[in-house]
Amino acid sequence: MSRTANRQKLPAADHYVCQSREEAADAIARIGVAQRERDRIQAAMNDELAAVRASHEADAKPHAERIAELTRGVADWCAAHRASLTQDGKVKFHQFATGEVKWRLRPPSIAVRGVDAVIDTLRKLGLSRFLREKTEIDKEALLKEPDVARSVGGVSLSQKEDFVVVPAETQLEEVQP
């Protein structure tokens, strides 16, 4: 009886795999060449996009100015006739044959200047209901004490490793997560 050894077959790689130190060095050099070519293509594309954008923006500018002028004119006329257009304030819009105008109230907003002074004033006036305390987890402190952090339920530490190829004569890195 022959005994068969337990062997596992690994699937063949579906991508290029270097077979020697020289092939790895050559592949890194080719990565650098490909990076530079990719950057040249992207730069050319960005130049073309900028030219197209500038051309179209120049074509659109007179229309944008005309729209702004007409909108101001419509707003002024509608403001003068608001009562009749909104049925004395019963509605906040008016339908014309060619479109609609609307009056909208934005949500109220608060602007605070001198935050520290306002906080002190609110405390002095006993208006602490307008103050809120924010409690956060200090992740940097947890990282400084990883053993303690691991002992806390719900906290986990993880660290990943990236493989980085930096071809000579370039500052670009190719990172494979």
C-alpha atoms as a PDB file:
ATOM      1  CA  MET A   1       0.000   0.000   0.000  1.00  0.00           C
ATOM      2  CA  SER A   2       1.281   3.364  -0.908  1.00  0.00           C
ATOM      3  CA  ARG A   3       0.787   6.198   1.422  1.00  0.00           C
ATOM      4  CA  THR A   4      -0.344   9.505  -0.087  1.00  0.00           C
ATOM      5  CA  ALA A   5       1.004  12.627   1.517  1.00  0.00           C
ATOM      6  CA  ASN A   6      -1.336  15.445   2.407  1.00  0.00           C
ATOM      7  CA  ARG A   7      -0.403  18.148  -0.059  1.00  0.00           C
ATOM      8  CA  GLN A   8      -2.243  21.338  -0.704  1.00  0.00           C
ATOM      9  CA  LYS A   9      -2.191  22.843  -4.136  1.00  0.00           C
ATOM     10  CA  LEU A  10      -2.066  26.596  -4.324  1.00  0.00           C
ATOM     11  CA  PRO A  11      -3.996  28.267  -7.105  1.00  0.00           C
ATOM     12  CA  ALA A  12      -1.908  29.810  -9.836  1.00  0.00           C
ATOM     13  CA  ALA A  13      -1.470  33.560  -9.569  1.00  0.00           C
ATOM     14  CA  ASP A  14      -3.566  35.498 -12.069  1.00  0.00           C
ATOM     15  CA  HIS A  15      -1.056  38.326 -12.216  1.00  0.00           C
ATOM     16  CA  TYR A  16       2.638  38.827 -12.930  1.00  0.00           C
ATOM     17  CA  VAL A  17       4.938  37.453 -10.225  1.00  0.00           C
ATOM     18  CA  CYS A  18       8.660  38.200 -10.181  1.00  0.00           C
ATOM     19  CA  GLN A  19      10.857  35.118 -10.294  1.00  0.00           C
ATOM     20  CA  SER A  20      14.175  36.654  -9.231  1.00  0.00           C
ATOM     21  CA  ARG A  21      15.797  39.664  -7.594  1.00  0.00           C
ATOM     22  CA  GLU A  22      16.651  41.039 -11.039  1.00  0.00           C
ATOM     23  CA  GLU A  23      13.046  40.724 -12.211  1.00  0.00           C
ATOM     24  CA  ALA A  24      11.862  42.544  -9.057  1.00  0.00           C
ATOM     25  CA  ALA A  25      14.346  45.396  -9.702  1.00  0.00           C
ATOM     26  CA  ASP A  26      13.251  45.544 -13.340  1.00  0.00           C
ATOM     27  CA  ALA A  27       9.559  45.577 -12.345  1.00  0.00           C
ATOM     28  CA  ILE A  28      10.180  48.484  -9.933  1.00  0.00           C
ATOM     29  CA  ALA A  29      11.875  50.418 -12.746  1.00  0.00           C
ATOM     30  CA  ARG A  30       8.917  49.701 -15.044  1.00  0.00           C
ATOM     31  CA  ILE A  31       6.529  50.914 -12.311  1.00  0.00           C
ATOM     32  CA  GLY A  32       8.436  54.211 -12.256  1.00  0.00           C
ATOM     33  CA  VAL A  33       8.198  54.561 -16.044  1.00  0.00           C
ATOM     34  CA  ALA A  34       4.468  53.760 -15.962  1.00  0.00           C
ATOM     35  CA  GLN A  35       3.901  56.278 -13.130  1.00  0.00           C
ATOM     36  CA  ARG A  36       5.602  59.054 -15.041  1.00  0.00           C
ATOM     37  CA  GLU A  37       3.648  58.255 -18.210  1.00  0.00           C
ATOM     38  CA  ARG A  38       0.382  58.137 -16.231  1.00  0.00           C
ATOM     39  CA  ASP A  39       1.215  61.546 -14.724  1.00  0.00           C
ATOM     40  CA  ARG A  40       1.967  63.009 -18.153  1.00  0.00           C
ATOM     41  CA  ILE A  41      -1.382  61.746 -19.444  1.00  0.00           C
ATOM     42  CA  GLN A  42      -3.252  63.112 -16.408  1.00  0.00           C
ATOM     43  CA  ALA A  43      -1.522  66.488 -16.748  1.00  0.00           C
ATOM     44  CA  ALA A  44      -2.464  66.669 -20.438  1.00  0.00           C
ATOM     45  CA  MET A  45      -6.049  65.703 -19.584  1.00  0.00           C
ATOM     46  CA  ASN A  46      -6.232  68.374 -16.860  1.00  0.00           C
ATOM     47  CA  ASP A  47      -4.870  70.988 -19.278  1.00  0.00           C
ATOM     48  CA  GLU A  48      -7.499  70.051 -21.865  1.00  0.00           C
ATOM     49  CA  LEU A  49     -10.272  70.068 -19.250  1.00  0.00           C
ATOM     50  CA  ALA A  50      -9.188  73.498 -18.005  1.00  0.00           C
ATOM     51  CA  ALA A  51      -9.236  74.882 -21.550  1.00  0.00           C
ATOM     52  CA  VAL A  52     -12.690  73.420 -22.253  1.00  0.00           C
ATOM     53  CA  ARG A  53     -14.029  74.701 -18.913  1.00  0.00           C
ATOM     54  CA  ALA A  54     -12.645  78.204 -19.531  1.00  0.00           C
ATOM     55  CA  SER A  55     -14.127  78.275 -23.043  1.00  0.00           C
ATOM     56  CA  HIS A  56     -17.582  77.199 -21.881  1.00  0.00           C
ATOM     57  CA  GLU A  57     -17.546  79.475 -18.842  1.00  0.00           C
ATOM     58  CA  ALA A  58     -16.723  82.410 -21.114  1.00  0.00           C
ATOM     59  CA  ASP A  59     -19.630  81.430 -23.392  1.00  0.00           C
ATOM     60  CA  ALA A  60     -21.993  81.077 -20.408  1.00  0.00           C
ATOM     61  CA  LYS A  61     -21.001  84.305 -18.607  1.00  0.00           C
ATOM     62  CA  PRO A  62     -23.269  86.674 -20.593  1.00  0.00           C
ATOM     63  CA  HIS A  63     -26.200  84.317 -20.009  1.00  0.00           C
ATOM     64  CA  ALA A  64     -25.490  84.157 -16.263  1.00  0.00           C
ATOM     65  CA  GLU A  65     -25.340  87.959 -16.101  1.00  0.00           C
ATOM     66  CA  ARG A  66     -28.629  88.247 -18.031  1.00  0.00           C
ATOM     67  CA  ILE A  67     -30.297  85.685 -15.728  1.00  0.00           C
ATOM     68  CA  ALA A  68     -29.148  87.642 -12.653  1.00  0.00           C
ATOM     69  CA  GLU A  69     -30.426  90.924 -14.141  1.00  0.00           C
ATOM     70  CA  LEU A  70     -33.822  89.461 -15.084  1.00  0.00           C
ATOM     71  CA  THR A  71     -34.152  87.740 -11.695  1.00  0.00           C
ATOM     72  CA  ARG A  72     -33.542  91.062  -9.896  1.00  0.00           C
ATOM     73  CA  GLY A  73     -36.168  92.695 -12.096  1.00  0.00           C
ATOM     74  CA  VAL A  74     -38.743  89.976 -11.414  1.00  0.00           C
ATOM     75  CA  ALA A  75     -37.981  90.095  -7.681  1.00  0.00           C
ATOM     76  CA  ASP A  76     -38.417  93.874  -7.553  1.00  0.00           C
ATOM     77  CA  TRP A  77     -41.748  93.750  -9.412  1.00  0.00           C
ATOM     78  CA  CYS A  78     -43.009  90.822  -7.308  1.00  0.00           C
ATOM     79  CA  ALA A  79     -41.997  92.594  -4.094  1.00  0.00           C
ATOM     80  CA  ALA A  80     -44.037  95.620  -5.123  1.00  0.00           C
ATOM     81  CA  HIS A  81     -47.056  93.426  -5.939  1.00  0.00           C
ATOM     82  CA  ARG A  82     -46.576  90.756  -3.281  1.00  0.00           C
ATOM     83  CA  ALA A  83     -49.929  91.275  -1.586  1.00  0.00           C
ATOM     84  CA  SER A  84     -51.910  90.634  -4.748  1.00  0.00           C
ATOM     85  CA  LEU A  85     -49.673  87.801  -5.898  1.00  0.00           C
ATOM     86  CA  THR A  86     -49.881  85.934  -2.563  1.00  0.00           C
ATOM     87  CA  GLN A  87     -53.581  86.655  -1.940  1.00  0.00           C
ATOM     88  CA  ASP A  88     -52.660  88.935   0.975  1.00  0.00           C
ATOM     89  CA  GLY A  89     -50.151  86.462   2.370  1.00  0.00           C
ATOM     90  CA  LYS A  90     -52.362  83.351   2.235  1.00  0.00           C
ATOM     91  CA  VAL A  91     -49.882  81.590  -0.057  1.00  0.00           C
ATOM     92  CA  LYS A  92     -46.131  81.937  -0.555  1.00  0.00           C
ATOM     93  CA  PHE A  93     -46.033  81.484  -4.312  1.00  0.00           C
ATOM     94  CA  HIS A  94     -47.602  82.734  -7.504  1.00  0.00           C
ATOM     95  CA  GLN A  95     -48.043  80.792 -10.691  1.00  0.00           C
ATOM     96  CA  PHE A  96     -47.501  82.729 -13.922  1.00  0.00           C
ATOM     97  CA  ALA A  97     -48.237  81.240 -17.334  1.00  0.00           C
ATOM     98  CA  THR A  98     -44.483  80.872 -17.906  1.00  0.00           C
ATOM     99  CA  GLY A  99     -43.347  79.778 -14.456  1.00  0.00           C
ATOM    100  CA  GLU A 100     -43.614  80.279 -10.744  1.00  0.00           C
ATOM    101  CA  VAL A 101     -42.177  82.581  -8.084  1.00  0.00           C
ATOM    102  CA  LYS A 102     -41.863  81.576  -4.428  1.00  0.00           C
ATOM    103  CA  TRP A 103     -41.061  83.250  -1.155  1.00  0.00           C
ATOM    104  CA  ARG A 104     -39.314  80.959   1.300  1.00  0.00           C
ATOM    105  CA  LEU A 105     -38.291  81.581   4.881  1.00  0.00           C
ATOM    106  CA  ARG A 106     -34.967  80.033   5.694  1.00  0.00           C
ATOM    107  CA  PRO A 107     -34.629  78.245   9.033  1.00  0.00           C
ATOM    108  CA  PRO A 108     -33.489  80.528  11.843  1.00  0.00           C
ATOM    109  CA  SER A 109     -29.787  80.505  12.596  1.00  0.00           C
ATOM    110  CA  ILE A 110     -27.616  81.654  15.476  1.00  0.00           C
ATOM    111  CA  ALA A 111     -24.297  83.451  15.079  1.00  0.00           C
ATOM    112  CA  VAL A 112     -22.022  83.655  18.109  1.00  0.00           C
ATOM    113  CA  ARG A 113     -19.069  86.014  18.328  1.00  0.00           C
ATOM    114  CA  GLY A 114     -16.727  85.769  21.296  1.00  0.00           C
ATOM    115  CA  VAL A 115     -17.650  82.221  22.283  1.00  0.00           C
ATOM    116  CA  ASP A 116     -15.811  82.287  25.625  1.00  0.00           C
ATOM    117  CA  ALA A 117     -17.504  85.533  26.697  1.00  0.00           C
ATOM    118  CA  VAL A 118     -20.931  84.203  25.722  1.00  0.00           C
ATOM    119  CA  ILE A 119     -20.307  80.982  27.671  1.00  0.00           C
ATOM    120  CA  ASP A 120     -19.286  82.986  30.752  1.00  0.00           C
ATOM    121  CA  THR A 121     -22.377  85.199  30.419  1.00  0.00           C
ATOM    122  CA  LEU A 122     -24.697  82.200  30.100  1.00  0.00           C
ATOM    123  CA  ARG A 123     -23.150  80.655  33.234  1.00  0.00           C
ATOM    124  CA  LYS A 124     -23.455  83.922  35.209  1.00  0.00           C
ATOM    125  CA  LEU A 125     -27.101  84.308  34.194  1.00  0.00           C
ATOM    126  CA  GLY A 126     -27.882  80.716  35.206  1.00  0.00           C
ATOM    127  CA  LEU A 127     -28.716  79.730  31.650  1.00  0.00           C
ATOM    128  CA  SER A 128     -26.709  76.508  31.631  1.00  0.00           C
ATOM    129  CA  ARG A 129     -29.529  74.837  29.693  1.00  0.00           C
ATOM    130  CA  PHE A 130     -28.018  76.585  26.656  1.00  0.00           C
ATOM    131  CA  LEU A 131     -24.637  74.933  27.256  1.00  0.00           C
ATOM    132  CA  ARG A 132     -23.662  71.403  26.446  1.00  0.00           C
ATOM    133  CA  GLU A 133     -20.732  69.333  27.577  1.00  0.00           C
ATOM    134  CA  LYS A 134     -19.130  67.037  25.096  1.00  0.00           C
ATOM    135  CA  THR A 135     -17.503  63.828  26.293  1.00  0.00           C
ATOM    136  CA  GLU A 136     -15.331  62.006  23.789  1.00  0.00           C
ATOM    137  CA  ILE A 137     -13.113  58.958  23.799  1.00  0.00           C
ATOM    138  CA  ASP A 138      -9.447  59.953  23.621  1.00  0.00           C
ATOM    139  CA  LYS A 139      -8.153  57.462  21.049  1.00  0.00           C
ATOM    140  CA  GLU A 140      -4.619  58.846  21.255  1.00  0.00           C
ATOM    141  CA  ALA A 141      -4.514  58.105  25.001  1.00  0.00           C
ATOM    142  CA  LEU A 142      -5.835  54.584  24.368  1.00  0.00           C
ATOM    143  CA  LEU A 143      -3.072  54.008  21.808  1.00  0.00           C
ATOM    144  CA  LYS A 144      -0.478  55.052  24.405  1.00  0.00           C
ATOM    145  CA  GLU A 145      -1.737  52.321  26.739  1.00  0.00           C
ATOM    146  CA  PRO A 146      -2.683  49.425  24.448  1.00  0.00           C
ATOM    147  CA  ASP A 147      -2.824  46.792  27.217  1.00  0.00           C
ATOM    148  CA  VAL A 148      -5.368  48.799  29.197  1.00  0.00           C
ATOM    149  CA  ALA A 149      -7.291  49.630  26.012  1.00  0.00           C
ATOM    150  CA  ARG A 150      -7.607  45.925  25.096  1.00  0.00           C
ATOM    151  CA  SER A 151      -9.094  45.179  28.510  1.00  0.00           C
ATOM    152  CA  VAL A 152     -12.019  47.554  27.878  1.00  0.00           C
ATOM    153  CA  GLY A 153     -15.046  45.927  26.290  1.00  0.00           C
ATOM    154  CA  GLY A 154     -15.954  47.413  22.939  1.00  0.00           C
ATOM    155  CA  VAL A 155     -12.429  48.658  22.239  1.00  0.00           C
ATOM    156  CA  SER A 156     -10.225  46.855  19.776  1.00  0.00           C
ATOM    157  CA  LEU A 157      -6.833  47.731  18.393  1.00  0.00           C
ATOM    158  CA  SER A 158      -5.876  46.947  14.848  1.00  0.00           C
ATOM    159  CA  GLN A 159      -2.905  47.662  12.676  1.00  0.00           C
ATOM    160  CA  LYS A 160      -2.507  47.040   8.989  1.00  0.00           C
ATOM    161  CA  GLU A 161       0.581  46.748   6.876  1.00  0.00           C
ATOM    162  CA  ASP A 162       0.948  48.291   3.439  1.00  0.00           C
ATOM    163  CA  PHE A 163       3.420  47.155   0.821  1.00  0.00           C
ATOM    164  CA  VAL A 164       4.993  50.220  -0.782  1.00  0.00           C
ATOM    165  CA  VAL A 165       7.072  50.425  -3.958  1.00  0.00           C
ATOM    166  CA  VAL A 166       9.029  53.655  -4.506  1.00  0.00           C
ATOM    167  CA  PRO A 167      10.795  53.712  -7.860  1.00  0.00           C
ATOM    168  CA  ALA A 168      14.005  55.754  -8.055  1.00  0.00           C
ATOM    169  CA  GLU A 169      13.786  59.342  -9.362  1.00  0.00           C
ATOM    170  CA  THR A 170      10.174  59.772  -8.315  1.00  0.00           C
ATOM    171  CA  GLN A 171       8.407  60.870  -5.184  1.00  0.00           C
ATOM    172  CA  LEU A 172       5.342  58.782  -6.037  1.00  0.00           C
ATOM    173  CA  GLU A 173       4.532  55.686  -4.084  1.00  0.00           C
ATOM    174  CA  GLU A 174       2.435  52.765  -5.198  1.00  0.00           C
ATOM    175  CA  VAL A 175       0.682  51.374  -2.120  1.00  0.00           C
ATOM    176  CA  GLN A 176      -1.051  48.047  -2.074  1.00  0.00           C
ATOM    177  CA  PRO A 177      -3.307  47.748   0.975  1.00  0.00           C
END
